[in-house]
C-alpha atoms as a PDB file:
ATOM      1  CA  MET A   1       2.357  -5.598 -16.780  1.00  0.00           C
ATOM      2  CA  ILE A   2       2.259  -2.380 -15.101  1.00  0.00           C
ATOM      3  CA  LYS A   3      -0.448  -1.545 -12.953  1.00  0.00           C
ATOM      4  CA  HIS A   4      -0.648   2.065 -11.699  1.00  0.00           C
ATOM      5  CA  VAL A   5      -2.813   2.203  -8.582  1.00  0.00           C
ATOM      6  CA  ASP A   6      -4.216   5.272  -6.765  1.00  0.00           C
ATOM      7  CA  PHE A   7      -6.310   4.021  -3.390  1.00  0.00           C
ATOM      8  CA  THR A   8      -8.145   6.615  -1.404  1.00  0.00           C
ATOM      9  CA  PRO A   9      -7.638   5.140   3.074  1.00  0.00           C
ATOM     10  CA  GLU A  10     -10.298   5.323   5.149  1.00  0.00           C
ATOM     11  CA  GLY A  11     -10.203   6.186   8.718  1.00  0.00           C
ATOM     12  CA  VAL A  12      -6.704   7.598   8.615  1.00  0.00           C
ATOM     13  CA  CYS A  13      -4.566  10.456   8.407  1.00  0.00           C
ATOM     14  CA  THR A  14      -3.514  10.103   4.943  1.00  0.00           C
ATOM     15  CA  GLN A  15      -5.397  11.509   1.849  1.00  0.00           C
ATOM     16  CA  LYS A  16      -3.913   8.894  -0.907  1.00  0.00           C
ATOM     17  CA  ILE A  17      -1.717   6.171  -1.668  1.00  0.00           C
ATOM     18  CA  THR A  18      -0.870   5.658  -4.813  1.00  0.00           C
ATOM     19  CA  PHE A  19       2.090   2.945  -6.564  1.00  0.00           C
ATOM     20  CA  ASP A  20       3.025   1.050  -9.568  1.00  0.00           C
ATOM     21  CA  LEU A  21       2.235  -2.989  -9.569  1.00  0.00           C
ATOM     22  CA  VAL A  22       4.632  -4.543 -11.961  1.00  0.00           C
ATOM     23  CA  ASP A  23       4.582  -7.668 -12.658  1.00  0.00           C
ATOM     24  CA  GLY A  24       3.678  -8.348  -9.261  1.00  0.00           C
ATOM     25  CA  TYR A  25       5.939  -6.297  -7.301  1.00  0.00           C
ATOM     26  CA  VAL A  26       5.247  -3.151  -5.845  1.00  0.00           C
ATOM     27  CA  HIS A  27       7.255   0.243  -6.833  1.00  0.00           C
ATOM     28  CA  HIS A  28       7.170   3.681  -6.129  1.00  0.00           C
ATOM     29  CA  VAL A  29       4.993   4.130  -3.115  1.00  0.00           C
ATOM     30  CA  GLN A  30       3.781   7.301  -2.409  1.00  0.00           C
ATOM     31  CA  PHE A  31       1.127   8.208   0.764  1.00  0.00           C
ATOM     32  CA  THR A  32       0.017  12.321   0.694  1.00  0.00           C
ATOM     33  CA  GLY A  33      -0.272  13.218   4.216  1.00  0.00           C
ATOM     34  CA  GLY A  34      -0.195  11.287   7.500  1.00  0.00           C
ATOM     35  CA  CYS A  35       3.208  10.967   9.351  1.00  0.00           C
ATOM     36  CA  SER A  36       5.753  11.805   6.758  1.00  0.00           C
ATOM     37  CA  GLY A  37       8.592   8.774   9.030  1.00  0.00           C
ATOM     38  CA  ASN A  38       6.659   6.626   8.983  1.00  0.00           C
ATOM     39  CA  THR A  39       5.393   6.233   5.614  1.00  0.00           C
ATOM     40  CA  LYS A  40       8.133   7.134   3.873  1.00  0.00           C
ATOM     41  CA  GLY A  41      10.234   4.317   5.949  1.00  0.00           C
ATOM     42  CA  VAL A  42       6.898   2.037   4.931  1.00  0.00           C
ATOM     43  CA  ALA A  43       7.490   3.341   1.418  1.00  0.00           C
ATOM     44  CA  ALA A  44      11.232   2.553   1.245  1.00  0.00           C
ATOM     45  CA  LEU A  45      10.852  -0.817   2.956  1.00  0.00           C
ATOM     46  CA  ALA A  46       8.204  -2.073   0.152  1.00  0.00           C
ATOM     47  CA  GLU A  47      10.026  -0.809  -2.529  1.00  0.00           C
ATOM     48  CA  GLY A  48      11.001  -3.210  -4.781  1.00  0.00           C
ATOM     49  CA  LEU A  49       9.299  -6.484  -2.801  1.00  0.00           C
ATOM     50  CA  GLU A  50       6.771  -9.175  -3.875  1.00  0.00           C
ATOM     51  CA  ALA A  51       2.668  -7.757  -3.541  1.00  0.00           C
ATOM     52  CA  HIS A  52       1.771 -10.120  -1.594  1.00  0.00           C
ATOM     53  CA  GLU A  53       4.132 -10.331   1.003  1.00  0.00           C
ATOM     54  CA  ILE A  54       3.754  -6.860   1.472  1.00  0.00           C
ATOM     55  CA  ALA A  55      -0.078  -6.683   1.629  1.00  0.00           C
ATOM     56  CA  ARG A  56       0.896 -10.433   3.886  1.00  0.00           C
ATOM     57  CA  ARG A  57       3.472  -8.147   6.510  1.00  0.00           C
ATOM     58  CA  LEU A  58       1.623  -5.156   7.011  1.00  0.00           C
ATOM     59  CA  LYS A  59      -2.967  -6.399   7.250  1.00  0.00           C
ATOM     60  CA  GLY A  60      -3.960  -5.567  10.364  1.00  0.00           C
ATOM     61  CA  ILE A  61      -0.898  -3.425  11.741  1.00  0.00           C
ATOM     62  CA  PRO A  62      -3.217  -0.863  14.204  1.00  0.00           C
ATOM     63  CA  CYS A  63      -2.259   2.501  15.125  1.00  0.00           C
ATOM     64  CA  GLN A  64      -6.028   3.729  15.513  1.00  0.00           C
ATOM     65  CA  GLY A  65      -7.826   1.183  16.202  1.00  0.00           C
ATOM     66  CA  ALA A  66      -7.303  -2.136  14.683  1.00  0.00           C
ATOM     67  CA  ASN A  67      -6.678   0.446  11.124  1.00  0.00           C
ATOM     68  CA  SER A  68      -3.521   2.492  10.364  1.00  0.00           C
ATOM     69  CA  CYS A  69      -1.693   3.197   7.051  1.00  0.00           C
ATOM     70  CA  PRO A  70       0.860   0.317   6.303  1.00  0.00           C
ATOM     71  CA  HIS A  71      -2.636  -1.866   6.763  1.00  0.00           C
ATOM     72  CA  GLN A  72      -4.915   0.254   4.146  1.00  0.00           C
ATOM     73  CA  LEU A  73      -1.419   0.082   2.112  1.00  0.00           C
ATOM     74  CA  SER A  74      -2.398  -3.867   2.267  1.00  0.00           C
ATOM     75  CA  LEU A  75      -6.009  -3.393   1.294  1.00  0.00           C
ATOM     76  CA  ALA A  76      -4.754  -0.973  -2.077  1.00  0.00           C
ATOM     77  CA  ILE A  77      -2.051  -3.553  -3.077  1.00  0.00           C
ATOM     78  CA  GLU A  78      -4.707  -6.789  -2.290  1.00  0.00           C
ATOM     79  CA  ARG A  79      -7.559  -4.533  -4.238  1.00  0.00           C
ATOM     80  CA  ALA A  80      -5.188  -4.041  -6.900  1.00  0.00           C
ATOM     81  CA  LEU A  81      -3.931  -8.244  -7.048  1.00  0.00           C
ATOM     82  CA  ARG A  82      -7.138  -8.782  -7.613  1.00  0.00           C
ATOM     83  CA  GLU A  83      -7.764  -6.287 -10.581  1.00  0.00           C
ATOM     84  CA  TRP A  84      -4.320  -6.956 -12.257  1.00  0.00           C
ATOM     85  CA  GLU A  85      -4.880 -10.993 -11.659  1.00  0.00           C
ATOM     86  CA  GLY A  86      -8.502 -10.977 -13.299  1.00  0.00           C
ATOM     87  CA  GLU A  87      -6.841  -9.374 -16.773  1.00  0.00           C
END
């Protein structure tokens, strides 16, 4: 199953996060805005990995207080997994 995700993060420089959830794995992560090198690095590292593991590793990473673009990606993945697993 493939689920395309568009997520609007809160409290960070990135304005939008998109990715595909394919049978529980994350593909094609893109950040709109934010620190280009950091967001490209996170996207490259997340490519093809199991969604639960990515969310676990990124949740709580701080940048601006207790929030960050990686943390927001973890929230987007968790929400997508809840929706995907509920279908």
